[in-house]
Protein backbone atom coordinates (compact mmCIF):
# COMPACT_ATOMS: atom_id res chain seq x y z
CA MET A 1 113.25 103.31 100.38
CA LEU A 2 111.35 102.31 103.50
CA PRO A 3 109.00 104.33 105.71
CA ARG A 4 110.62 106.29 108.49
CA THR A 5 110.77 104.58 111.86
CA LEU A 6 108.80 106.19 114.68
CA VAL A 7 108.12 103.79 117.54
CA VAL A 8 105.08 105.54 119.02
CA PRO A 9 101.33 104.88 118.87
CA GLY A 10 100.39 105.30 115.20
CA GLY A 11 104.00 104.87 114.09
CA VAL A 12 106.05 102.24 112.27
CA VAL A 13 108.90 100.10 113.57
CA ARG A 14 111.42 98.14 111.53
CA LEU A 15 112.60 94.89 113.11
CA ALA A 16 115.72 93.12 111.84
CA LEU A 17 115.08 89.38 111.45
CA GLY A 18 118.54 88.33 110.27
CA PRO A 19 119.41 85.96 107.41
CA ALA A 20 117.30 83.00 106.32
CA ALA A 21 116.96 80.98 103.14
CA ASP A 22 113.20 81.60 103.03
CA ARG A 23 111.12 84.63 103.97
CA PRO A 24 110.14 84.32 107.66
CA LEU A 25 106.48 84.46 108.64
CA VAL A 26 105.88 87.23 111.15
CA SER A 27 102.67 88.00 113.04
CA SER A 28 101.38 90.20 115.84
CA ASP A 29 98.42 88.83 117.80
CA GLY A 30 97.67 86.59 114.83
CA VAL A 31 97.78 89.43 112.26
CA PRO A 32 100.34 88.88 109.46
CA ILE A 33 103.20 91.39 109.23
CA ARG A 34 104.91 92.57 106.06
CA VAL A 35 108.45 91.16 105.65
CA ILE A 36 110.85 92.53 103.04
CA GLY A 37 114.44 91.79 102.13
CA ASP A 38 116.33 88.77 100.84
CA PRO A 39 118.11 85.70 102.29
CA ILE A 40 120.98 87.92 103.44
CA ALA A 41 118.79 90.06 105.70
CA TRP A 42 115.00 90.19 106.28
CA THR A 43 113.13 93.06 107.92
CA ALA A 44 109.63 93.16 109.41
CA LEU A 45 107.63 96.40 109.05
CA VAL A 46 105.15 96.75 111.89
CA GLY A 47 102.38 99.32 112.20
CA ILE A 48 101.71 100.32 115.81
CA PRO A 49 98.04 100.93 116.73
CA LEU A 50 97.16 104.51 117.60
CA GLY A 51 95.56 103.21 120.80
CA ALA A 52 98.64 101.22 121.87
CA GLU A 53 99.86 101.88 125.39
CA PRO A 54 103.51 102.90 125.83
CA GLY A 55 105.61 99.93 126.80
CA GLU A 56 106.65 96.67 125.20
CA GLY A 57 105.27 95.37 121.94
CA ARG A 58 106.31 92.13 120.31
CA VAL A 59 106.00 90.05 117.18
CA THR A 60 106.24 86.29 116.64
CA VAL A 61 108.64 84.94 114.00
CA ALA A 62 108.21 81.51 112.41
CA GLN A 63 110.97 80.02 110.24
CA ALA A 64 111.53 76.62 108.68
CA ASN A 65 113.63 74.23 110.75
CA ALA A 66 113.68 76.59 113.74
CA PRO A 67 111.50 77.13 116.80
CA ASP A 68 109.20 80.14 116.85
CA ARG A 69 110.70 83.19 118.53
CA THR A 70 109.52 86.60 119.65
CA ILE A 71 111.12 89.98 119.01
CA PRO A 72 110.24 92.79 121.43
CA TYR A 73 110.28 96.54 120.84
CA VAL A 74 109.55 99.51 123.11
CA ILE A 75 106.71 101.93 122.29
CA THR A 76 107.38 105.45 123.53
CA PRO A 77 104.54 107.88 124.35
CA LYS A 78 103.42 110.62 121.96
CA ARG A 79 100.98 113.43 122.73
CA TYR A 80 98.73 114.44 119.82
CA SER A 81 96.83 117.71 119.48
CA GLU A 82 93.09 118.36 119.86
CA GLN A 83 90.68 120.11 117.48
CA ARG A 84 87.09 121.29 118.10
CA LEU A 85 84.66 121.31 115.16
CA LYS A 86 81.03 122.19 114.50
CA VAL A 87 79.21 119.85 112.13
CA ALA A 88 75.59 119.07 111.28
CA PRO A 89 73.93 117.41 114.30
CA GLY A 90 72.91 114.45 112.14
CA HIS A 91 76.57 113.51 111.68
CA VAL A 92 77.18 113.31 115.44
CA ASP A 93 73.92 111.96 116.85
CA LEU A 94 72.94 109.43 114.22
CA SER A 95 69.35 108.55 113.38
CA PRO A 96 68.44 104.83 113.59
CA GLU A 97 68.62 104.63 109.78
CA ASP A 98 72.04 106.30 109.63
CA LEU A 99 73.32 104.15 112.49
CA ALA A 100 72.22 101.00 110.66
CA ARG A 101 73.99 102.22 107.52
CA TYR A 102 77.16 102.96 109.49
CA GLU A 103 77.14 99.46 111.01
CA ARG A 104 76.83 97.88 107.54
CA GLU A 105 79.71 99.99 106.28
CA ARG A 106 81.81 99.19 109.33
CA GLN A 107 81.49 95.47 108.62
CA ARG A 108 82.39 96.10 104.99
CA SER A 109 85.51 98.01 106.07
CA GLN A 110 86.51 95.26 108.51
CA ASP A 111 86.44 92.77 105.64
CA ILE A 112 88.55 95.09 103.45
CA VAL A 113 91.31 95.63 106.01
CA THR A 114 92.01 91.89 106.31
CA THR A 115 93.41 91.96 102.75
CA PHE A 116 96.92 90.48 102.62
CA SER A 117 98.01 89.96 99.02
CA GLU A 118 101.18 89.53 97.02
CA PRO A 119 102.88 92.87 96.21
CA LEU A 120 102.74 94.06 92.61
CA SER A 121 106.56 93.88 92.51
CA ASP A 122 109.49 92.79 94.68
CA ALA A 123 110.84 96.34 94.85
CA PHE A 124 111.80 97.54 98.33
CA ASP A 125 110.66 101.11 97.65
CA LEU A 126 107.62 101.73 99.87
CA ARG A 127 107.80 105.51 99.88
CA MET A 128 104.61 107.20 98.68
CA GLN A 129 103.72 110.33 96.75
CA ILE A 130 101.21 112.67 98.35
CA PRO A 131 97.84 112.15 96.58
CA VAL A 132 97.12 115.88 96.23
CA HIS A 133 99.11 119.01 96.99
CA GLY A 134 97.62 121.58 99.34
CA ARG A 135 97.56 122.87 102.89
CA ARG A 136 97.62 120.14 105.52
CA SER A 137 94.43 121.03 107.38
CA SER A 138 94.53 118.19 109.89
CA SER A 139 97.29 115.82 110.85
CA PHE A 140 97.29 112.20 111.93
CA GLY A 141 96.48 111.51 115.57
CA LEU A 142 94.52 114.71 116.16
CA ARG A 143 91.77 114.14 118.72
CA ARG A 144 88.59 115.73 117.43
CA VAL A 145 85.67 117.08 119.43
CA PHE A 146 82.49 117.36 117.35
CA ASN A 147 79.87 119.72 118.79
CA GLY A 148 81.42 119.26 122.23
CA GLN A 149 81.52 115.44 121.98
CA SER A 150 84.93 113.77 121.97
CA ARG A 151 85.59 111.23 119.24
CA ASN A 152 88.37 108.80 118.35
CA PRO A 153 91.66 110.32 117.17
CA HIS A 154 92.02 111.23 113.51
CA THR A 155 93.49 108.27 111.66
CA GLY A 156 94.70 110.01 108.51
CA MET A 157 96.01 113.21 106.97
CA ASP A 158 93.62 115.92 105.71
CA ILE A 159 94.76 118.05 102.79
CA ALA A 160 92.75 121.14 101.83
CA ALA A 161 92.39 121.62 98.07
CA PRO A 162 89.73 123.01 95.71
CA ALA A 163 86.88 120.69 94.77
CA GLY A 164 87.66 118.90 91.53
CA THR A 165 91.44 118.83 92.03
CA PRO A 166 92.78 115.50 90.67
CA VAL A 167 93.71 112.87 93.27
CA ARG A 168 96.72 110.72 92.34
CA ALA A 169 97.58 107.17 93.38
CA PRO A 170 100.27 107.44 96.11
CA MET A 171 101.99 104.29 94.78
CA ALA A 172 101.19 101.32 92.55
CA ALA A 173 98.16 99.41 93.77
CA ARG A 174 95.09 97.33 93.08
CA VAL A 175 91.73 98.98 93.71
CA ILE A 176 89.97 96.72 96.22
CA ASP A 177 86.89 98.83 97.00
CA ASN A 178 85.17 102.08 96.12
CA GLY A 179 81.85 103.63 97.01
CA ASP A 180 79.92 106.13 99.11
CA TYR A 181 80.33 105.85 102.90
CA PHE A 182 78.31 107.78 105.48
CA PHE A 183 81.26 109.41 107.25
CA ASN A 184 83.97 109.14 104.57
CA GLY A 185 81.84 110.04 101.57
CA ASN A 186 83.09 108.80 98.19
CA THR A 187 86.04 106.56 99.04
CA ILE A 188 88.67 104.47 97.25
CA TRP A 189 90.63 101.68 98.96
CA LEU A 190 94.00 100.75 97.43
CA ASP A 191 95.95 97.55 98.11
CA HIS A 192 99.73 97.98 97.86
CA GLY A 193 100.40 94.37 98.85
CA ALA A 194 101.31 92.38 101.96
CA GLY A 195 99.04 94.27 104.35
CA LEU A 196 99.89 97.80 103.17
CA LEU A 197 96.66 99.61 102.19
CA SER A 198 95.65 103.21 101.67
CA MET A 199 92.38 105.07 101.31
CA VAL A 200 91.30 108.43 99.91
CA CYS A 201 87.99 109.91 101.06
CA HIS A 202 85.42 112.72 100.57
CA LEU A 203 85.88 112.57 96.79
CA SER A 204 83.66 114.42 94.33
CA ALA A 205 84.47 111.85 91.64
CA ILE A 206 85.78 108.27 91.50
CA ARG A 207 87.66 107.41 88.31
CA VAL A 208 88.58 103.78 88.96
CA ARG A 209 86.73 100.52 89.50
CA THR A 210 87.30 97.70 91.94
CA GLY A 211 89.86 95.37 90.38
CA ASP A 212 91.74 98.06 88.46
CA VAL A 213 95.53 98.14 88.73
CA VAL A 214 96.93 101.67 89.00
CA ALA A 215 100.46 103.04 88.77
CA LEU A 216 102.10 105.71 90.91
CA GLY A 217 100.60 109.09 90.01
CA ASP A 218 97.57 107.80 88.10
CA ASP A 219 94.48 110.02 88.30
CA ILE A 220 92.01 108.03 90.44
CA GLY A 221 89.49 110.67 91.56
CA ALA A 222 88.86 114.28 92.50
CA VAL A 223 88.79 116.27 95.74
CA GLY A 224 85.30 116.86 97.09
CA ALA A 225 83.21 117.48 100.18
CA THR A 226 81.18 114.28 100.50
CA GLY A 227 80.51 112.59 103.85
CA ARG A 228 81.17 114.34 107.17
CA VAL A 229 83.16 117.43 106.21
CA THR A 230 83.33 121.17 106.85
CA GLY A 231 84.68 121.95 103.36
CA PRO A 232 86.45 120.45 100.34
CA HIS A 233 89.51 118.42 101.26
CA LEU A 234 91.09 114.99 100.87
CA HIS A 235 91.36 112.55 103.75
CA TRP A 236 94.28 110.19 103.12
CA GLY A 237 94.79 107.15 105.32
CA VAL A 238 97.53 104.49 105.31
CA MET A 239 97.14 101.08 106.94
CA LEU A 240 99.87 98.57 107.79
CA ASN A 241 98.99 95.16 109.31
CA ARG A 242 95.36 96.30 109.81
CA THR A 243 96.54 99.37 111.73
CA MET A 244 96.14 102.98 110.65
CA VAL A 245 99.55 104.66 110.79
CA ASP A 246 100.84 108.16 110.09
CA PRO A 247 100.93 108.68 106.29
CA ALA A 248 103.72 111.27 106.72
CA LEU A 249 106.11 108.43 107.57
CA PHE A 250 105.73 107.11 104.00
CA LEU A 251 106.46 110.39 102.23
CA ALA A 252 109.87 111.02 100.67
CA ASP A 253 111.88 113.66 102.50
């Protein structure tokens, strides 16, 4: 099963590439795109940036013994909600020390998101299992205002659950990073192959190490309240071609 198509900022679009003996190479502004299928029919799965303007997007397709070609698609507008929160002033107006830490972590994250590896299997099933069950306290795309100051839209799904609740791997993956981040708290990055990554944040415990291979449903950590939070919950993010997209599109109906 494939993620649901929603051709809006923060959504996913499937692009039919047609038949070819070998898997086509697809990119968007130089970023590799995941291609699935077989010689009968290939499909590109493209994550659309949350900040993308409505209008035309396009990918470039390279195939052996054929000229490069482009495939366009039309991004439709989507209006996301707004949420106002009160947090500790030190998590909005950063001290020089905290700002320096954030910049180091930002570079570390930028290196992580360039990961483009071979999938653990050739299976076409890219649907995910929710990492923890609970009330969805904040949805993807929500624009947050912290202490009256507007910030970038929310790039994941927040799920409220008691501290210590086990967090499960949403699908098979390699652990490519884990550690304590200033904003995200205790965080695990998972690589599902070919540019599909996910992250779970604000954990009270991390039960895996970088390099571990985990299966769907494996216990990888526990819900917590580390980093910038107002209470215990899990932040779950999904990234496709270096773009954070709506995790709900990957959940089975």
